[in-house]
Amino acid sequence: MTEVDKELDLKGLNCPLPILRIKQTISRMESGEILKIVGTEPGTQRELKIFCKQGGHDYLDFQESADEFTYVIRKG
């Protein structure tokens, strides 16, 4: 797994809160830094892919377990 600079726990939050928190967090990060996100909202995966594409961020990894989702992105 890639070394991360910041981790964001979004477990228990429903749309649209996860993507809003991701936007707030990544806006305070430096270009090239890695953000690891853990959440429970299934819709976040689709929204995060769109967010990364529009914002020029790299969608590096996605993992799914029984009850949570983990994403890793690099700020563009």
N, C-alpha and C. Protein backbone atom coordinates (compact mmCIF):
# COMPACT_ATOMS: atom_id res chain seq x y z
N MET A 1 0.84 -1.19 0.00
CA MET A 1 0.00 0.00 0.00
C MET A 1 0.89 1.25 0.00
N THR A 2 0.43 2.27 -0.65
CA THR A 2 1.14 3.53 -0.76
C THR A 2 1.21 4.23 0.59
N GLU A 3 2.33 4.90 0.88
CA GLU A 3 2.45 5.68 2.11
C GLU A 3 1.52 6.88 2.02
N VAL A 4 0.72 7.11 3.06
CA VAL A 4 -0.25 8.19 3.03
C VAL A 4 0.21 9.37 3.88
N ASP A 5 -0.23 10.56 3.47
CA ASP A 5 0.09 11.78 4.20
C ASP A 5 -1.01 12.16 5.18
N LYS A 6 -2.24 11.78 4.84
CA LYS A 6 -3.39 12.15 5.67
C LYS A 6 -4.44 11.06 5.55
N GLU A 7 -5.16 10.80 6.65
CA GLU A 7 -6.24 9.83 6.65
C GLU A 7 -7.53 10.53 7.05
N LEU A 8 -8.63 10.10 6.43
CA LEU A 8 -9.94 10.70 6.67
C LEU A 8 -10.94 9.59 6.97
N ASP A 9 -11.55 9.65 8.14
CA ASP A 9 -12.54 8.66 8.57
C ASP A 9 -13.94 9.21 8.32
N LEU A 10 -14.64 8.61 7.38
CA LEU A 10 -15.99 9.05 7.01
C LEU A 10 -17.04 8.00 7.34
N LYS A 11 -16.70 7.05 8.19
CA LYS A 11 -17.63 5.98 8.53
C LYS A 11 -18.90 6.56 9.17
N GLY A 12 -20.04 6.07 8.69
CA GLY A 12 -21.32 6.51 9.22
C GLY A 12 -21.92 7.72 8.54
N LEU A 13 -21.17 8.38 7.67
CA LEU A 13 -21.69 9.56 6.96
C LEU A 13 -22.34 9.13 5.66
N ASN A 14 -23.47 9.75 5.34
CA ASN A 14 -24.20 9.47 4.10
C ASN A 14 -24.03 10.62 3.12
N CYS A 15 -24.27 10.32 1.84
CA CYS A 15 -24.19 11.32 0.78
C CYS A 15 -25.07 12.51 1.12
N PRO A 16 -24.59 13.70 0.85
CA PRO A 16 -23.36 14.09 0.16
C PRO A 16 -22.19 14.40 1.10
N LEU A 17 -22.33 14.12 2.40
CA LEU A 17 -21.28 14.50 3.35
C LEU A 17 -19.90 13.93 3.06
N PRO A 18 -19.77 12.65 2.66
CA PRO A 18 -18.41 12.15 2.41
C PRO A 18 -17.64 12.96 1.36
N ILE A 19 -18.26 13.24 0.24
CA ILE A 19 -17.54 13.96 -0.81
C ILE A 19 -17.27 15.41 -0.40
N LEU A 20 -18.15 16.00 0.39
CA LEU A 20 -17.91 17.36 0.87
C LEU A 20 -16.71 17.39 1.82
N ARG A 21 -16.61 16.42 2.70
CA ARG A 21 -15.47 16.34 3.63
C ARG A 21 -14.17 16.07 2.87
N ILE A 22 -14.26 15.24 1.83
CA ILE A 22 -13.08 14.97 1.02
C ILE A 22 -12.61 16.25 0.35
N LYS A 23 -13.53 17.02 -0.21
CA LYS A 23 -13.17 18.28 -0.87
C LYS A 23 -12.51 19.24 0.11
N GLN A 24 -13.06 19.35 1.32
CA GLN A 24 -12.48 20.25 2.33
C GLN A 24 -11.08 19.81 2.70
N THR A 25 -10.90 18.52 2.90
CA THR A 25 -9.60 18.00 3.33
C THR A 25 -8.55 18.17 2.24
N ILE A 26 -8.89 17.81 1.01
CA ILE A 26 -7.89 17.86 -0.07
C ILE A 26 -7.52 19.31 -0.42
N SER A 27 -8.43 20.25 -0.17
CA SER A 27 -8.11 21.65 -0.45
C SER A 27 -7.01 22.17 0.48
N ARG A 28 -6.83 21.54 1.63
CA ARG A 28 -5.80 21.95 2.59
C ARG A 28 -4.50 21.16 2.42
N MET A 29 -4.45 20.28 1.45
CA MET A 29 -3.27 19.45 1.22
C MET A 29 -2.41 20.04 0.10
N GLU A 30 -1.16 19.63 0.07
CA GLU A 30 -0.23 20.06 -0.97
C GLU A 30 -0.34 19.12 -2.18
N SER A 31 -0.04 19.63 -3.35
CA SER A 31 -0.04 18.81 -4.55
C SER A 31 0.92 17.64 -4.38
N GLY A 32 0.47 16.44 -4.76
CA GLY A 32 1.29 15.24 -4.66
C GLY A 32 1.09 14.46 -3.37
N GLU A 33 0.43 15.06 -2.39
CA GLU A 33 0.19 14.35 -1.13
C GLU A 33 -0.89 13.29 -1.32
N ILE A 34 -0.82 12.25 -0.50
CA ILE A 34 -1.70 11.10 -0.60
C ILE A 34 -2.73 11.14 0.53
N LEU A 35 -4.00 10.93 0.17
CA LEU A 35 -5.10 10.91 1.13
C LEU A 35 -5.74 9.54 1.13
N LYS A 36 -5.85 8.94 2.32
CA LYS A 36 -6.54 7.67 2.50
C LYS A 36 -7.89 7.97 3.14
N ILE A 37 -8.94 7.41 2.56
CA ILE A 37 -10.31 7.66 3.01
C ILE A 37 -10.95 6.32 3.36
N VAL A 38 -11.59 6.26 4.51
CA VAL A 38 -12.33 5.07 4.92
C VAL A 38 -13.76 5.49 5.20
N GLY A 39 -14.71 4.81 4.57
CA GLY A 39 -16.11 5.16 4.76
C GLY A 39 -17.03 3.97 4.60
N THR A 40 -18.31 4.23 4.80
CA THR A 40 -19.32 3.18 4.72
C THR A 40 -20.40 3.46 3.68
N GLU A 41 -20.34 4.61 3.03
CA GLU A 41 -21.34 5.00 2.03
C GLU A 41 -20.94 4.47 0.66
N PRO A 42 -21.71 3.52 0.08
CA PRO A 42 -21.33 2.94 -1.21
C PRO A 42 -21.29 3.94 -2.37
N GLY A 43 -22.10 4.99 -2.32
CA GLY A 43 -22.14 5.96 -3.40
C GLY A 43 -20.90 6.82 -3.52
N THR A 44 -20.07 6.81 -2.50
CA THR A 44 -18.86 7.63 -2.52
C THR A 44 -17.90 7.21 -3.63
N GLN A 45 -17.86 5.93 -3.95
CA GLN A 45 -16.92 5.46 -4.98
C GLN A 45 -17.17 6.16 -6.31
N ARG A 46 -18.40 6.19 -6.74
CA ARG A 46 -18.74 6.83 -8.01
C ARG A 46 -18.45 8.32 -7.96
N GLU A 47 -18.88 8.97 -6.88
CA GLU A 47 -18.66 10.42 -6.74
C GLU A 47 -17.18 10.76 -6.67
N LEU A 48 -16.39 9.92 -6.00
CA LEU A 48 -14.97 10.19 -5.86
C LEU A 48 -14.24 10.07 -7.20
N LYS A 49 -14.64 9.11 -8.02
CA LYS A 49 -14.03 8.99 -9.35
C LYS A 49 -14.28 10.24 -10.18
N ILE A 50 -15.50 10.76 -10.12
CA ILE A 50 -15.85 11.99 -10.85
C ILE A 50 -15.06 13.17 -10.29
N PHE A 51 -15.02 13.28 -8.96
CA PHE A 51 -14.28 14.36 -8.29
C PHE A 51 -12.81 14.35 -8.71
N CYS A 52 -12.20 13.18 -8.73
CA CYS A 52 -10.78 13.07 -9.11
C CYS A 52 -10.56 13.47 -10.57
N LYS A 53 -11.43 12.99 -11.43
CA LYS A 53 -11.30 13.31 -12.86
C LYS A 53 -11.44 14.81 -13.09
N GLN A 54 -12.43 15.44 -12.48
CA GLN A 54 -12.67 16.87 -12.68
C GLN A 54 -11.59 17.72 -12.03
N GLY A 55 -11.04 17.25 -10.89
CA GLY A 55 -10.06 18.04 -10.16
C GLY A 55 -8.62 17.75 -10.50
N GLY A 56 -8.39 16.77 -11.37
CA GLY A 56 -7.03 16.43 -11.74
C GLY A 56 -6.27 15.63 -10.69
N HIS A 57 -7.03 14.93 -9.83
CA HIS A 57 -6.42 14.11 -8.80
C HIS A 57 -6.32 12.67 -9.29
N ASP A 58 -5.39 11.91 -8.73
CA ASP A 58 -5.20 10.51 -9.12
C ASP A 58 -5.94 9.58 -8.17
N TYR A 59 -6.80 8.76 -8.72
CA TYR A 59 -7.54 7.73 -7.97
C TYR A 59 -6.64 6.51 -7.95
N LEU A 60 -5.94 6.27 -6.83
CA LEU A 60 -4.89 5.27 -6.78
C LEU A 60 -5.35 3.88 -6.40
N ASP A 61 -6.29 3.78 -5.46
CA ASP A 61 -6.65 2.46 -4.95
C ASP A 61 -8.05 2.46 -4.38
N PHE A 62 -8.67 1.29 -4.43
CA PHE A 62 -9.99 1.07 -3.82
C PHE A 62 -10.00 -0.34 -3.26
N GLN A 63 -10.45 -0.46 -2.03
CA GLN A 63 -10.61 -1.78 -1.41
C GLN A 63 -11.95 -1.80 -0.70
N GLU A 64 -12.60 -2.96 -0.77
CA GLU A 64 -13.91 -3.12 -0.14
C GLU A 64 -13.86 -4.31 0.80
N SER A 65 -14.34 -4.09 2.01
CA SER A 65 -14.50 -5.20 2.95
C SER A 65 -16.00 -5.36 3.20
N ALA A 66 -16.36 -6.19 4.12
CA ALA A 66 -17.78 -6.49 4.36
C ALA A 66 -18.60 -5.25 4.70
N ASP A 67 -18.04 -4.32 5.43
CA ASP A 67 -18.84 -3.18 5.87
C ASP A 67 -18.20 -1.81 5.66
N GLU A 68 -17.07 -1.74 4.96
CA GLU A 68 -16.48 -0.44 4.70
C GLU A 68 -15.66 -0.42 3.41
N PHE A 69 -15.42 0.80 2.95
CA PHE A 69 -14.70 1.05 1.70
C PHE A 69 -13.48 1.89 2.01
N THR A 70 -12.36 1.58 1.35
CA THR A 70 -11.13 2.35 1.54
C THR A 70 -10.67 2.85 0.17
N TYR A 71 -10.38 4.14 0.10
CA TYR A 71 -9.94 4.77 -1.13
C TYR A 71 -8.60 5.46 -0.86
N VAL A 72 -7.77 5.54 -1.88
CA VAL A 72 -6.52 6.28 -1.79
C VAL A 72 -6.43 7.16 -3.03
N ILE A 73 -6.23 8.46 -2.79
CA ILE A 73 -6.11 9.40 -3.90
C ILE A 73 -4.87 10.28 -3.68
N ARG A 74 -4.34 10.79 -4.80
CA ARG A 74 -3.21 11.73 -4.76
C ARG A 74 -3.70 13.08 -5.28
N LYS A 75 -3.44 14.11 -4.49
CA LYS A 75 -3.86 15.44 -4.93
C LYS A 75 -3.05 15.86 -6.15
N GLY A 76 -3.76 16.36 -7.15
CA GLY A 76 -3.13 16.80 -8.39
C GLY A 76 -2.57 18.18 -8.30
